[in-house]
């Protein structure tokens, strides 16, 4: 028998995963009940529509005057933007503000603004933030119709990818194996979403179309890692007929453990590089992948194989 036997800690593993799933469901429920969010996750500009302005202040890194997000919000709430084409100007009382790079950069998420209103907003912020570097100014606008289409497209792509994965593993394995692989997929995606639900509640982190891409990637990784362990269990079934199924699982997990850990680590290395050097646009995409791959590695080793002996007896 191998020195490391996953069956010895299976109950502790189930408890940890169960608590993580419950916390994820609680976070998503709190997001849904929050009137400012109204969804399981805080939707970003891609899905809601609006204007994103990224401002780079014209000052050296060490000499920028101190700037806080609350001060920017207070300044914005006191601004009155001009009306355009007879339409009332949007209110700026509920704006998402992020101050980055030690105060050098400011990221604003606002309602849909016309160009004249954007210029008025920048002029109104100048007394607080100082001169803006025009070469580093970025203004992105997504209309509410396009945002709705992006949300529907992301949901459809997620459902289609999950359905395709379910069809593949159902064709390749029997019902118990396929059910466990799908359970692990749901486990990994749910915990990843739960982490972002809590981030949305506690620090206002939003999800965008890249988050949907991250979930699809996590789902594919989760199934691939689980299939490797299942294949080893099937391959050794004849040679280990004298052992109980629980012991067979221990042997299979021990045989694939090094491979799974190396695969996870080599996958995480470029994600760590993205976290450190990828900039703000890719940061949360990398965070979602890092959480999903870490959870997926655990579920393929500690959840799916350990549940197999329990379900196979029934």
C-alpha atoms as a PDB file:
ATOM      1  CA  UNK A   1       0.000   0.000   0.000  1.00  0.00           C
ATOM      2  CA  UNK A   2       1.189   3.554  -0.704  1.00  0.00           C
ATOM      3  CA  UNK A   3       2.495   5.755   2.107  1.00  0.00           C
ATOM      4  CA  UNK A   4      -0.096   8.442   1.294  1.00  0.00           C
ATOM      5  CA  UNK A   5      -3.656   7.162   1.538  1.00  0.00           C
ATOM      6  CA  UNK A   6      -6.311   9.717   0.607  1.00  0.00           C
ATOM      7  CA  UNK A   7      -9.060   7.566   2.154  1.00  0.00           C
ATOM      8  CA  UNK A   8      -7.699   8.282   5.629  1.00  0.00           C
ATOM      9  CA  UNK A   9      -8.537  11.986   5.378  1.00  0.00           C
ATOM     10  CA  UNK A  10     -11.599  11.750   3.170  1.00  0.00           C
ATOM     11  CA  UNK A  11     -14.072  12.859   5.847  1.00  0.00           C
ATOM     12  CA  UNK A  12     -12.009  15.950   6.663  1.00  0.00           C
ATOM     13  CA  UNK A  13     -11.790  16.698   2.946  1.00  0.00           C
ATOM     14  CA  UNK A  14     -15.537  16.361   2.496  1.00  0.00           C
ATOM     15  CA  UNK A  15     -16.086  18.677   5.476  1.00  0.00           C
ATOM     16  CA  UNK A  16     -13.768  21.378   4.101  1.00  0.00           C
ATOM     17  CA  UNK A  17     -15.329  21.208   0.637  1.00  0.00           C
ATOM     18  CA  UNK A  18     -18.837  21.202   2.067  1.00  0.00           C
ATOM     19  CA  UNK A  19     -18.127  24.319   4.125  1.00  0.00           C
ATOM     20  CA  UNK A  20     -16.580  26.037   1.095  1.00  0.00           C
ATOM     21  CA  UNK A  21     -19.666  25.259  -0.993  1.00  0.00           C
ATOM     22  CA  UNK A  22     -22.007  26.516   1.744  1.00  0.00           C
ATOM     23  CA  UNK A  23     -20.017  29.745   2.090  1.00  0.00           C
ATOM     24  CA  UNK A  24     -20.141  30.171  -1.678  1.00  0.00           C
ATOM     25  CA  UNK A  25     -23.906  29.730  -1.772  1.00  0.00           C
ATOM     26  CA  UNK A  26     -24.272  32.153   1.148  1.00  0.00           C
ATOM     27  CA  UNK A  27     -22.149  34.787  -0.614  1.00  0.00           C
ATOM     28  CA  UNK A  28     -24.144  34.459  -3.832  1.00  0.00           C
ATOM     29  CA  UNK A  29     -27.432  34.673  -1.908  1.00  0.00           C
ATOM     30  CA  UNK A  30     -26.265  37.831  -0.126  1.00  0.00           C
ATOM     31  CA  UNK A  31     -25.261  39.367  -3.459  1.00  0.00           C
ATOM     32  CA  UNK A  32     -28.670  38.556  -4.904  1.00  0.00           C
ATOM     33  CA  UNK A  33     -30.467  40.100  -1.942  1.00  0.00           C
ATOM     34  CA  UNK A  34     -28.311  43.239  -2.039  1.00  0.00           C
ATOM     35  CA  UNK A  35     -30.348  45.939  -3.853  1.00  0.00           C
ATOM     36  CA  UNK A  36     -27.166  47.468  -5.293  1.00  0.00           C
ATOM     37  CA  UNK A  37     -26.200  44.161  -6.950  1.00  0.00           C
ATOM     38  CA  UNK A  38     -29.372  42.128  -7.535  1.00  0.00           C
ATOM     39  CA  UNK A  39     -27.492  39.142  -8.993  1.00  0.00           C
ATOM     40  CA  UNK A  40     -25.428  36.194  -7.676  1.00  0.00           C
ATOM     41  CA  UNK A  41     -22.268  38.094  -8.658  1.00  0.00           C
ATOM     42  CA  UNK A  42     -21.641  41.822  -8.992  1.00  0.00           C
ATOM     43  CA  UNK A  43     -21.937  42.428 -12.781  1.00  0.00           C
ATOM     44  CA  UNK A  44     -19.291  44.559 -14.425  1.00  0.00           C
ATOM     45  CA  UNK A  45     -19.431  47.126 -17.168  1.00  0.00           C
ATOM     46  CA  UNK A  46     -19.420  44.417 -19.852  1.00  0.00           C
ATOM     47  CA  UNK A  47     -22.839  43.210 -18.698  1.00  0.00           C
ATOM     48  CA  UNK A  48     -24.560  46.311 -17.355  1.00  0.00           C
ATOM     49  CA  UNK A  49     -23.402  48.876 -19.906  1.00  0.00           C
ATOM     50  CA  UNK A  50     -21.902  52.234 -19.015  1.00  0.00           C
ATOM     51  CA  UNK A  51     -18.651  54.147 -19.283  1.00  0.00           C
ATOM     52  CA  UNK A  52     -15.261  53.199 -17.903  1.00  0.00           C
ATOM     53  CA  UNK A  53     -12.626  55.919 -17.562  1.00  0.00           C
ATOM     54  CA  UNK A  54      -9.023  55.064 -16.698  1.00  0.00           C
ATOM     55  CA  UNK A  55      -7.029  58.127 -15.697  1.00  0.00           C
ATOM     56  CA  UNK A  56      -3.251  58.373 -15.368  1.00  0.00           C
ATOM     57  CA  UNK A  57      -2.100  61.356 -13.291  1.00  0.00           C
ATOM     58  CA  UNK A  58       0.827  63.407 -14.614  1.00  0.00           C
ATOM     59  CA  UNK A  59       3.129  63.112 -11.650  1.00  0.00           C
ATOM     60  CA  UNK A  60       6.203  61.011 -10.745  1.00  0.00           C
ATOM     61  CA  UNK A  61       5.557  57.804  -8.823  1.00  0.00           C
ATOM     62  CA  UNK A  62       6.838  59.118  -5.492  1.00  0.00           C
ATOM     63  CA  UNK A  63       5.503  62.676  -5.671  1.00  0.00           C
ATOM     64  CA  UNK A  64       1.789  62.171  -6.412  1.00  0.00           C
ATOM     65  CA  UNK A  65      -0.394  63.871  -3.833  1.00  0.00           C
ATOM     66  CA  UNK A  66      -2.257  61.438  -1.624  1.00  0.00           C
ATOM     67  CA  UNK A  67      -5.581  60.417  -3.155  1.00  0.00           C
ATOM     68  CA  UNK A  68      -8.347  58.232  -1.761  1.00  0.00           C
ATOM     69  CA  UNK A  69     -11.348  56.618  -3.435  1.00  0.00           C
ATOM     70  CA  UNK A  70     -13.729  58.264  -0.955  1.00  0.00           C
ATOM     71  CA  UNK A  71     -12.435  61.724  -1.873  1.00  0.00           C
ATOM     72  CA  UNK A  72     -12.996  60.984  -5.571  1.00  0.00           C
ATOM     73  CA  UNK A  73     -16.550  59.761  -4.894  1.00  0.00           C
ATOM     74  CA  UNK A  74     -17.325  62.860  -2.856  1.00  0.00           C
ATOM     75  CA  UNK A  75     -16.018  65.095  -5.633  1.00  0.00           C
ATOM     76  CA  UNK A  76     -18.058  63.219  -8.263  1.00  0.00           C
ATOM     77  CA  UNK A  77     -21.262  63.396  -6.208  1.00  0.00           C
ATOM     78  CA  UNK A  78     -20.953  67.192  -6.189  1.00  0.00           C
ATOM     79  CA  UNK A  79     -20.522  67.517  -9.966  1.00  0.00           C
ATOM     80  CA  UNK A  80     -23.368  68.528 -12.273  1.00  0.00           C
ATOM     81  CA  UNK A  81     -22.915  67.307 -15.815  1.00  0.00           C
ATOM     82  CA  UNK A  82     -24.472  69.089 -18.808  1.00  0.00           C
ATOM     83  CA  UNK A  83     -27.624  67.782 -20.460  1.00  0.00           C
ATOM     84  CA  UNK A  84     -27.214  66.386 -23.962  1.00  0.00           C
ATOM     85  CA  UNK A  85     -30.012  66.326 -26.555  1.00  0.00           C
ATOM     86  CA  UNK A  86     -32.534  67.268 -23.899  1.00  0.00           C
ATOM     87  CA  UNK A  87     -31.785  64.144 -21.841  1.00  0.00           C
ATOM     88  CA  UNK A  88     -31.157  64.657 -18.114  1.00  0.00           C
ATOM     89  CA  UNK A  89     -27.562  64.130 -17.036  1.00  0.00           C
ATOM     90  CA  UNK A  90     -26.881  60.884 -15.134  1.00  0.00           C
ATOM     91  CA  UNK A  91     -26.369  61.064 -11.401  1.00  0.00           C
ATOM     92  CA  UNK A  92     -22.886  60.305 -10.067  1.00  0.00           C
ATOM     93  CA  UNK A  93     -23.781  59.379  -6.514  1.00  0.00           C
ATOM     94  CA  UNK A  94     -23.186  55.633  -6.979  1.00  0.00           C
ATOM     95  CA  UNK A  95     -19.933  55.329  -8.920  1.00  0.00           C
ATOM     96  CA  UNK A  96     -17.332  52.584  -8.602  1.00  0.00           C
ATOM     97  CA  UNK A  97     -13.904  54.134  -7.946  1.00  0.00           C
ATOM     98  CA  UNK A  98     -10.538  52.376  -7.713  1.00  0.00           C
ATOM     99  CA  UNK A  99      -7.274  54.158  -6.938  1.00  0.00           C
ATOM    100  CA  UNK A 100      -4.300  52.131  -8.203  1.00  0.00           C
ATOM    101  CA  UNK A 101      -0.502  52.313  -8.432  1.00  0.00           C
ATOM    102  CA  UNK A 102      -0.071  54.245  -5.187  1.00  0.00           C
ATOM    103  CA  UNK A 103      -2.447  56.972  -6.328  1.00  0.00           C
ATOM    104  CA  UNK A 104      -1.095  57.426  -9.843  1.00  0.00           C
ATOM    105  CA  UNK A 105      -4.066  55.804 -11.592  1.00  0.00           C
ATOM    106  CA  UNK A 106      -7.806  56.178 -11.088  1.00  0.00           C
ATOM    107  CA  UNK A 107     -10.388  53.785 -12.532  1.00  0.00           C
ATOM    108  CA  UNK A 108     -14.008  54.974 -12.740  1.00  0.00           C
ATOM    109  CA  UNK A 109     -17.110  52.902 -13.576  1.00  0.00           C
ATOM    110  CA  UNK A 110     -19.974  55.270 -14.417  1.00  0.00           C
ATOM    111  CA  UNK A 111     -23.383  55.362 -16.087  1.00  0.00           C
ATOM    112  CA  UNK A 112     -23.431  55.822 -19.849  1.00  0.00           C
ATOM    113  CA  UNK A 113     -21.919  59.247 -20.642  1.00  0.00           C
ATOM    114  CA  UNK A 114     -21.817  61.326 -23.797  1.00  0.00           C
ATOM    115  CA  UNK A 115     -18.428  62.771 -24.902  1.00  0.00           C
ATOM    116  CA  UNK A 116     -19.380  66.248 -23.680  1.00  0.00           C
ATOM    117  CA  UNK A 117     -20.280  64.856 -20.268  1.00  0.00           C
ATOM    118  CA  UNK A 118     -17.019  62.912 -20.080  1.00  0.00           C
ATOM    119  CA  UNK A 119     -15.039  66.092 -20.764  1.00  0.00           C
ATOM    120  CA  UNK A 120     -17.016  67.962 -18.096  1.00  0.00           C
ATOM    121  CA  UNK A 121     -16.369  65.170 -15.604  1.00  0.00           C
ATOM    122  CA  UNK A 122     -12.617  65.217 -16.256  1.00  0.00           C
ATOM    123  CA  UNK A 123     -12.554  69.005 -15.908  1.00  0.00           C
ATOM    124  CA  UNK A 124     -14.446  68.740 -12.626  1.00  0.00           C
ATOM    125  CA  UNK A 125     -11.982  66.189 -11.256  1.00  0.00           C
ATOM    126  CA  UNK A 126      -8.864  68.165 -12.206  1.00  0.00           C
ATOM    127  CA  UNK A 127      -8.771  70.318  -9.020  1.00  0.00           C
ATOM    128  CA  UNK A 128      -8.653  67.110  -6.970  1.00  0.00           C
ATOM    129  CA  UNK A 129      -6.452  64.764  -8.996  1.00  0.00           C
ATOM    130  CA  UNK A 130      -4.317  67.322 -10.812  1.00  0.00           C
ATOM    131  CA  UNK A 131      -3.264  67.240 -14.439  1.00  0.00           C
ATOM    132  CA  UNK A 132      -4.166  64.133 -16.444  1.00  0.00           C
ATOM    133  CA  UNK A 133      -1.760  62.457 -18.854  1.00  0.00           C
ATOM    134  CA  UNK A 134      -3.738  62.562 -22.145  1.00  0.00           C
ATOM    135  CA  UNK A 135      -1.709  59.737 -23.689  1.00  0.00           C
ATOM    136  CA  UNK A 136      -2.731  57.378 -20.884  1.00  0.00           C
ATOM    137  CA  UNK A 137      -6.401  58.396 -20.739  1.00  0.00           C
ATOM    138  CA  UNK A 138      -8.756  55.556 -21.663  1.00  0.00           C
ATOM    139  CA  UNK A 139     -12.520  55.936 -22.132  1.00  0.00           C
ATOM    140  CA  UNK A 140     -14.591  52.843 -22.960  1.00  0.00           C
ATOM    141  CA  UNK A 141     -18.345  52.914 -23.440  1.00  0.00           C
ATOM    142  CA  UNK A 142     -20.681  49.927 -23.672  1.00  0.00           C
ATOM    143  CA  UNK A 143     -24.378  50.515 -24.309  1.00  0.00           C
ATOM    144  CA  UNK A 144     -26.980  48.670 -22.222  1.00  0.00           C
ATOM    145  CA  UNK A 145     -28.159  46.671 -25.266  1.00  0.00           C
ATOM    146  CA  UNK A 146     -24.652  45.407 -26.022  1.00  0.00           C
ATOM    147  CA  UNK A 147     -24.125  44.680 -22.332  1.00  0.00           C
ATOM    148  CA  UNK A 148     -27.290  42.562 -22.264  1.00  0.00           C
ATOM    149  CA  UNK A 149     -26.155  40.692 -25.378  1.00  0.00           C
ATOM    150  CA  UNK A 150     -22.745  40.014 -23.834  1.00  0.00           C
ATOM    151  CA  UNK A 151     -24.397  38.645 -20.684  1.00  0.00           C
ATOM    152  CA  UNK A 152     -26.669  36.326 -22.685  1.00  0.00           C
ATOM    153  CA  UNK A 153     -23.775  35.219 -24.874  1.00  0.00           C
ATOM    154  CA  UNK A 154     -21.613  34.454 -21.829  1.00  0.00           C
ATOM    155  CA  UNK A 155     -24.378  32.426 -20.180  1.00  0.00           C
ATOM    156  CA  UNK A 156     -25.069  30.492 -23.387  1.00  0.00           C
ATOM    157  CA  UNK A 157     -21.356  29.734 -23.885  1.00  0.00           C
ATOM    158  CA  UNK A 158     -21.095  28.477 -20.299  1.00  0.00           C
ATOM    159  CA  UNK A 159     -24.160  26.242 -20.638  1.00  0.00           C
ATOM    160  CA  UNK A 160     -23.040  24.844 -24.004  1.00  0.00           C
ATOM    161  CA  UNK A 161     -19.539  24.074 -22.730  1.00  0.00           C
ATOM    162  CA  UNK A 162     -20.880  22.367 -19.601  1.00  0.00           C
ATOM    163  CA  UNK A 163     -23.357  20.347 -21.680  1.00  0.00           C
ATOM    164  CA  UNK A 164     -20.571  19.262 -24.049  1.00  0.00           C
ATOM    165  CA  UNK A 165     -18.388  18.194 -21.114  1.00  0.00           C
ATOM    166  CA  UNK A 166     -21.308  16.263 -19.593  1.00  0.00           C
ATOM    167  CA  UNK A 167     -21.971  14.474 -22.889  1.00  0.00           C
ATOM    168  CA  UNK A 168     -18.287  13.554 -23.279  1.00  0.00           C
ATOM    169  CA  UNK A 169     -17.797  12.040 -19.837  1.00  0.00           C
ATOM    170  CA  UNK A 170     -21.189  10.281 -19.980  1.00  0.00           C
ATOM    171  CA  UNK A 171     -20.093   8.619 -23.250  1.00  0.00           C
ATOM    172  CA  UNK A 172     -16.641   7.694 -21.945  1.00  0.00           C
ATOM    173  CA  UNK A 173     -17.557   6.452 -18.457  1.00  0.00           C
ATOM    174  CA  UNK A 174     -20.383   4.689 -16.670  1.00  0.00           C
ATOM    175  CA  UNK A 175     -22.970   6.575 -14.664  1.00  0.00           C
ATOM    176  CA  UNK A 176     -21.105   6.716 -11.328  1.00  0.00           C
ATOM    177  CA  UNK A 177     -17.851   7.984 -12.875  1.00  0.00           C
ATOM    178  CA  UNK A 178     -19.662  10.517 -15.029  1.00  0.00           C
ATOM    179  CA  UNK A 179     -21.761  11.740 -12.115  1.00  0.00           C
ATOM    180  CA  UNK A 180     -18.684  12.247  -9.926  1.00  0.00           C
ATOM    181  CA  UNK A 181     -16.836  14.132 -12.668  1.00  0.00           C
ATOM    182  CA  UNK A 182     -19.820  16.449 -13.091  1.00  0.00           C
ATOM    183  CA  UNK A 183     -20.057  16.867  -9.308  1.00  0.00           C
ATOM    184  CA  UNK A 184     -16.413  17.961  -9.195  1.00  0.00           C
ATOM    185  CA  UNK A 185     -16.994  20.365 -12.087  1.00  0.00           C
ATOM    186  CA  UNK A 186     -19.935  21.919 -10.238  1.00  0.00           C
ATOM    187  CA  UNK A 187     -17.904  22.012  -7.009  1.00  0.00           C
ATOM    188  CA  UNK A 188     -14.991  23.872  -8.656  1.00  0.00           C
ATOM    189  CA  UNK A 189     -17.103  26.373 -10.580  1.00  0.00           C
ATOM    190  CA  UNK A 190     -19.359  27.055  -7.592  1.00  0.00           C
ATOM    191  CA  UNK A 191     -16.456  27.770  -5.216  1.00  0.00           C
ATOM    192  CA  UNK A 192     -14.812  30.042  -7.796  1.00  0.00           C
ATOM    193  CA  UNK A 193     -18.081  31.964  -8.178  1.00  0.00           C
ATOM    194  CA  UNK A 194     -18.513  32.053  -4.404  1.00  0.00           C
ATOM    195  CA  UNK A 195     -15.086  33.602  -3.931  1.00  0.00           C
ATOM    196  CA  UNK A 196     -16.015  36.375  -6.371  1.00  0.00           C
ATOM    197  CA  UNK A 197     -19.403  36.826  -4.706  1.00  0.00           C
ATOM    198  CA  UNK A 198     -17.635  37.606  -1.422  1.00  0.00           C
ATOM    199  CA  UNK A 199     -15.108  39.819  -3.212  1.00  0.00           C
ATOM    200  CA  UNK A 200     -18.028  41.703  -4.760  1.00  0.00           C
ATOM    201  CA  UNK A 201     -19.649  42.177  -1.364  1.00  0.00           C
ATOM    202  CA  UNK A 202     -16.526  43.144   0.566  1.00  0.00           C
ATOM    203  CA  UNK A 203     -14.509  45.159  -1.952  1.00  0.00           C
ATOM    204  CA  UNK A 204     -16.789  45.777  -4.914  1.00  0.00           C
ATOM    205  CA  UNK A 205     -15.056  43.389  -7.334  1.00  0.00           C
ATOM    206  CA  UNK A 206     -17.048  42.979 -10.554  1.00  0.00           C
ATOM    207  CA  UNK A 207     -17.168  40.100 -13.022  1.00  0.00           C
ATOM    208  CA  UNK A 208     -16.914  40.632 -16.768  1.00  0.00           C
ATOM    209  CA  UNK A 209     -16.771  38.561 -19.943  1.00  0.00           C
ATOM    210  CA  UNK A 210     -13.243  37.386 -19.067  1.00  0.00           C
ATOM    211  CA  UNK A 211     -14.675  35.805 -15.932  1.00  0.00           C
ATOM    212  CA  UNK A 212     -16.943  33.650 -18.100  1.00  0.00           C
ATOM    213  CA  UNK A 213     -13.866  32.569 -20.083  1.00  0.00           C
ATOM    214  CA  UNK A 214     -12.125  31.715 -16.796  1.00  0.00           C
ATOM    215  CA  UNK A 215     -15.072  29.535 -15.695  1.00  0.00           C
ATOM    216  CA  UNK A 216     -15.027  27.590 -18.970  1.00  0.00           C
ATOM    217  CA  UNK A 217     -11.278  27.054 -18.590  1.00  0.00           C
ATOM    218  CA  UNK A 218     -11.700  25.909 -14.981  1.00  0.00           C
ATOM    219  CA  UNK A 219     -14.419  23.458 -16.028  1.00  0.00           C
ATOM    220  CA  UNK A 220     -12.186  21.941 -18.709  1.00  0.00           C
ATOM    221  CA  UNK A 221      -9.225  21.693 -16.343  1.00  0.00           C
ATOM    222  CA  UNK A 222     -11.367  20.135 -13.608  1.00  0.00           C
ATOM    223  CA  UNK A 223     -12.689  17.378 -15.871  1.00  0.00           C
ATOM    224  CA  UNK A 224      -9.256  16.686 -17.384  1.00  0.00           C
ATOM    225  CA  UNK A 225      -7.653  16.258 -13.961  1.00  0.00           C
ATOM    226  CA  UNK A 226     -10.475  14.037 -12.710  1.00  0.00           C
ATOM    227  CA  UNK A 227     -10.370  11.865 -15.848  1.00  0.00           C
ATOM    228  CA  UNK A 228      -6.664  11.125 -15.272  1.00  0.00           C
ATOM    229  CA  UNK A 229      -7.417   9.615 -11.849  1.00  0.00           C
ATOM    230  CA  UNK A 230     -10.444   7.719 -13.149  1.00  0.00           C
ATOM    231  CA  UNK A 231      -8.404   6.261 -16.023  1.00  0.00           C
ATOM    232  CA  UNK A 232      -5.803   4.961 -13.575  1.00  0.00           C
ATOM    233  CA  UNK A 233      -8.534   3.344 -11.452  1.00  0.00           C
ATOM    234  CA  UNK A 234      -9.933   1.572 -14.521  1.00  0.00           C
ATOM    235  CA  UNK A 235      -6.491   0.483 -15.757  1.00  0.00           C
ATOM    236  CA  UNK A 236      -5.516  -1.164 -12.459  1.00  0.00           C
ATOM    237  CA  UNK A 237      -8.891  -2.764 -11.744  1.00  0.00           C
ATOM    238  CA  UNK A 238      -7.822  -6.210 -13.011  1.00  0.00           C
ATOM    239  CA  UNK A 239      -4.380  -6.206 -11.424  1.00  0.00           C
ATOM    240  CA  UNK A 240      -5.761  -5.164  -8.021  1.00  0.00           C
ATOM    241  CA  UNK A 241      -8.861  -7.361  -7.934  1.00  0.00           C
ATOM    242  CA  UNK A 242      -7.948  -8.689  -4.491  1.00  0.00           C
ATOM    243  CA  UNK A 243      -8.116  -5.199  -2.965  1.00  0.00           C
ATOM    244  CA  UNK A 244     -11.163  -3.280  -1.866  1.00  0.00           C
ATOM    245  CA  UNK A 245     -12.257  -0.397  -4.053  1.00  0.00           C
ATOM    246  CA  UNK A 246     -11.129   2.037  -1.348  1.00  0.00           C
ATOM    247  CA  UNK A 247      -7.600   0.581  -1.455  1.00  0.00           C
ATOM    248  CA  UNK A 248      -7.635   0.691  -5.265  1.00  0.00           C
ATOM    249  CA  UNK A 249      -8.491   4.382  -5.096  1.00  0.00           C
ATOM    250  CA  UNK A 250      -5.587   4.991  -2.699  1.00  0.00           C
ATOM    251  CA  UNK A 251      -3.191   3.296  -5.119  1.00  0.00           C
ATOM    252  CA  UNK A 252      -4.546   5.241  -8.099  1.00  0.00           C
ATOM    253  CA  UNK A 253      -4.361   8.598  -6.315  1.00  0.00           C
ATOM    254  CA  UNK A 254      -0.824   7.893  -5.090  1.00  0.00           C
ATOM    255  CA  UNK A 255       0.232   6.928  -8.643  1.00  0.00           C
ATOM    256  CA  UNK A 256      -1.155  10.130 -10.181  1.00  0.00           C
ATOM    257  CA  UNK A 257      -0.462  12.517  -7.288  1.00  0.00           C
ATOM    258  CA  UNK A 258       2.975  13.653  -8.474  1.00  0.00           C
ATOM    259  CA  UNK A 259       1.712  14.166 -12.013  1.00  0.00           C
ATOM    260  CA  UNK A 260      -1.313  16.162 -10.794  1.00  0.00           C
ATOM    261  CA  UNK A 261       0.788  18.380  -8.523  1.00  0.00           C
ATOM    262  CA  UNK A 262       3.369  19.090 -11.237  1.00  0.00           C
ATOM    263  CA  UNK A 263       0.627  19.889 -13.747  1.00  0.00           C
ATOM    264  CA  UNK A 264      -1.060  22.256 -11.314  1.00  0.00           C
ATOM    265  CA  UNK A 265       2.179  24.007 -10.404  1.00  0.00           C
ATOM    266  CA  UNK A 266       3.246  24.499 -14.019  1.00  0.00           C
ATOM    267  CA  UNK A 267      -0.224  25.872 -14.784  1.00  0.00           C
ATOM    268  CA  UNK A 268      -0.106  28.234 -11.826  1.00  0.00           C
ATOM    269  CA  UNK A 269       3.327  29.683 -12.689  1.00  0.00           C
ATOM    270  CA  UNK A 270       2.129  31.756 -15.683  1.00  0.00           C
ATOM    271  CA  UNK A 271      -0.950  32.777 -13.682  1.00  0.00           C
ATOM    272  CA  UNK A 272       1.294  34.108 -10.911  1.00  0.00           C
ATOM    273  CA  UNK A 273       3.178  36.062 -13.556  1.00  0.00           C
ATOM    274  CA  UNK A 274      -0.145  37.509 -14.748  1.00  0.00           C
ATOM    275  CA  UNK A 275      -1.070  38.444 -11.188  1.00  0.00           C
ATOM    276  CA  UNK A 276       2.215  40.274 -10.706  1.00  0.00           C
ATOM    277  CA  UNK A 277       2.806  41.825 -14.128  1.00  0.00           C
ATOM    278  CA  UNK A 278      -0.401  41.479 -16.153  1.00  0.00           C
ATOM    279  CA  UNK A 279      -1.889  44.814 -15.159  1.00  0.00           C
ATOM    280  CA  UNK A 280      -5.357  45.630 -13.863  1.00  0.00           C
ATOM    281  CA  UNK A 281      -7.221  44.407 -16.962  1.00  0.00           C
ATOM    282  CA  UNK A 282      -6.053  40.789 -16.495  1.00  0.00           C
ATOM    283  CA  UNK A 283      -5.667  40.707 -12.722  1.00  0.00           C
ATOM    284  CA  UNK A 284      -9.095  39.331 -11.783  1.00  0.00           C
ATOM    285  CA  UNK A 285      -9.068  36.937 -14.737  1.00  0.00           C
ATOM    286  CA  UNK A 286      -5.852  35.478 -13.327  1.00  0.00           C
ATOM    287  CA  UNK A 287      -7.335  35.405  -9.812  1.00  0.00           C
ATOM    288  CA  UNK A 288     -10.376  33.434 -11.049  1.00  0.00           C
ATOM    289  CA  UNK A 289      -8.161  30.921 -12.866  1.00  0.00           C
ATOM    290  CA  UNK A 290      -5.848  30.556  -9.874  1.00  0.00           C
ATOM    291  CA  UNK A 291      -8.737  29.834  -7.497  1.00  0.00           C
ATOM    292  CA  UNK A 292     -10.431  27.469  -9.954  1.00  0.00           C
ATOM    293  CA  UNK A 293      -7.300  25.475 -10.757  1.00  0.00           C
ATOM    294  CA  UNK A 294      -6.317  25.172  -7.095  1.00  0.00           C
ATOM    295  CA  UNK A 295      -9.809  23.959  -6.166  1.00  0.00           C
ATOM    296  CA  UNK A 296      -9.939  21.702  -9.242  1.00  0.00           C
ATOM    297  CA  UNK A 297      -6.653  20.053  -8.302  1.00  0.00           C
ATOM    298  CA  UNK A 298      -8.014  19.291  -4.856  1.00  0.00           C
ATOM    299  CA  UNK A 299     -11.369  17.938  -6.048  1.00  0.00           C
ATOM    300  CA  UNK A 300      -9.749  15.562  -8.564  1.00  0.00           C
ATOM    301  CA  UNK A 301      -7.623  14.093  -5.761  1.00  0.00           C
ATOM    302  CA  UNK A 302      -9.698  14.432  -2.613  1.00  0.00           C
ATOM    303  CA  UNK A 303     -13.361  14.495  -3.683  1.00  0.00           C
ATOM    304  CA  UNK A 304     -14.154  12.414  -6.775  1.00  0.00           C
ATOM    305  CA  UNK A 305     -11.953   9.361  -5.953  1.00  0.00           C
ATOM    306  CA  UNK A 306     -12.955   9.223  -2.282  1.00  0.00           C
ATOM    307  CA  UNK A 307     -16.664   9.327  -3.110  1.00  0.00           C
ATOM    308  CA  UNK A 308     -16.341   6.471  -5.624  1.00  0.00           C
ATOM    309  CA  UNK A 309     -16.248   3.599  -3.069  1.00  0.00           C
ATOM    310  CA  UNK A 310     -19.224   5.091  -1.253  1.00  0.00           C
ATOM    311  CA  UNK A 311     -21.407   5.414  -4.365  1.00  0.00           C
ATOM    312  CA  UNK A 312     -20.248   2.198  -6.060  1.00  0.00           C
ATOM    313  CA  UNK A 313     -21.719   0.105  -3.216  1.00  0.00           C
ATOM    314  CA  UNK A 314     -25.200   1.469  -3.893  1.00  0.00           C
END
